[in-house]
Amino acid sequence: MDPDSVLLYIDETHIRSYHVLRTTWSEVGRQKQVPTFGHHAHVSLFDAVILLGMKVYKQPLFM
């Protein structure tokens, strides 16, 4: 890296409005009903951190 370069640490996560389906119990012969809403909203969150000397600059980005 040359002296003019900037090193970024970047992370991302995805937040969803629905839950993960898991194993569940139900009566013999009856199927468990799982409600759905037809629209599954989500947000992707990106975060970048720049380390310059002893200072940390942080910028969250929503997409």
Protein backbone atom coordinates (compact mmCIF):
# COMPACT_ATOMS: atom_id res chain seq x y z
CA MET A 1 0.00 0.00 0.00
CA ASP A 2 1.21 3.48 -0.77
CA PRO A 3 0.87 6.43 1.69
CA ASP A 4 -2.25 7.78 -0.11
CA SER A 5 -4.19 4.52 0.24
CA VAL A 6 -7.13 4.16 2.63
CA LEU A 7 -7.95 0.83 4.25
CA LEU A 8 -11.68 0.21 4.77
CA TYR A 9 -13.21 -2.49 6.96
CA ILE A 10 -16.66 -3.28 5.55
CA ASP A 11 -19.44 -5.50 6.93
CA GLU A 12 -23.01 -6.19 5.86
CA THR A 13 -26.09 -7.80 7.37
CA HIS A 14 -29.62 -8.48 6.17
CA ILE A 15 -32.65 -7.86 8.39
CA ARG A 16 -35.89 -9.58 7.37
CA SER A 17 -39.49 -9.11 8.52
CA TYR A 18 -40.27 -12.82 8.64
CA HIS A 19 -39.07 -15.55 10.96
CA VAL A 20 -37.18 -18.67 10.03
CA LEU A 21 -39.45 -21.72 9.96
CA ARG A 22 -38.52 -24.39 12.46
CA THR A 23 -39.69 -27.88 13.29
CA THR A 24 -42.91 -27.93 15.30
CA TRP A 25 -45.45 -30.39 16.69
CA SER A 26 -49.01 -30.87 15.43
CA GLU A 27 -51.80 -33.39 15.95
CA VAL A 28 -51.61 -36.60 13.96
CA GLY A 29 -53.47 -36.10 10.68
CA ARG A 30 -53.58 -32.28 10.96
CA GLN A 31 -51.11 -30.05 9.17
CA LYS A 32 -49.70 -27.09 11.10
CA GLN A 33 -50.84 -23.74 9.59
CA VAL A 34 -48.14 -21.10 9.11
CA PRO A 35 -49.48 -17.56 8.50
CA THR A 36 -47.93 -15.62 5.63
CA PHE A 37 -48.42 -12.00 4.71
CA GLY A 38 -47.58 -11.98 0.99
CA HIS A 39 -44.85 -9.35 1.38
CA HIS A 40 -41.51 -9.98 3.02
CA ALA A 41 -39.81 -6.66 3.72
CA HIS A 42 -36.07 -6.59 4.25
CA VAL A 43 -33.26 -4.12 4.77
CA SER A 44 -29.59 -4.59 3.92
CA LEU A 45 -27.22 -2.72 6.23
CA PHE A 46 -23.66 -1.96 5.12
CA ASP A 47 -21.13 -0.42 7.47
CA ALA A 48 -17.67 0.93 6.66
CA VAL A 49 -14.96 1.77 9.19
CA ILE A 50 -11.82 3.74 8.32
CA LEU A 51 -8.86 3.55 10.70
CA LEU A 52 -6.64 6.63 10.53
CA GLY A 53 -4.01 6.75 13.24
CA MET A 54 -5.88 6.47 16.57
CA LYS A 55 -9.23 7.77 15.19
CA VAL A 56 -12.07 5.63 13.88
CA TYR A 57 -14.52 7.01 11.29
CA LYS A 58 -17.73 5.05 10.90
CA GLN A 59 -20.51 5.42 8.32
CA PRO A 60 -23.64 3.19 8.24
CA LEU A 61 -25.27 2.80 4.82
CA PHE A 62 -28.87 1.59 4.39
CA MET A 63 -29.95 -0.02 1.11
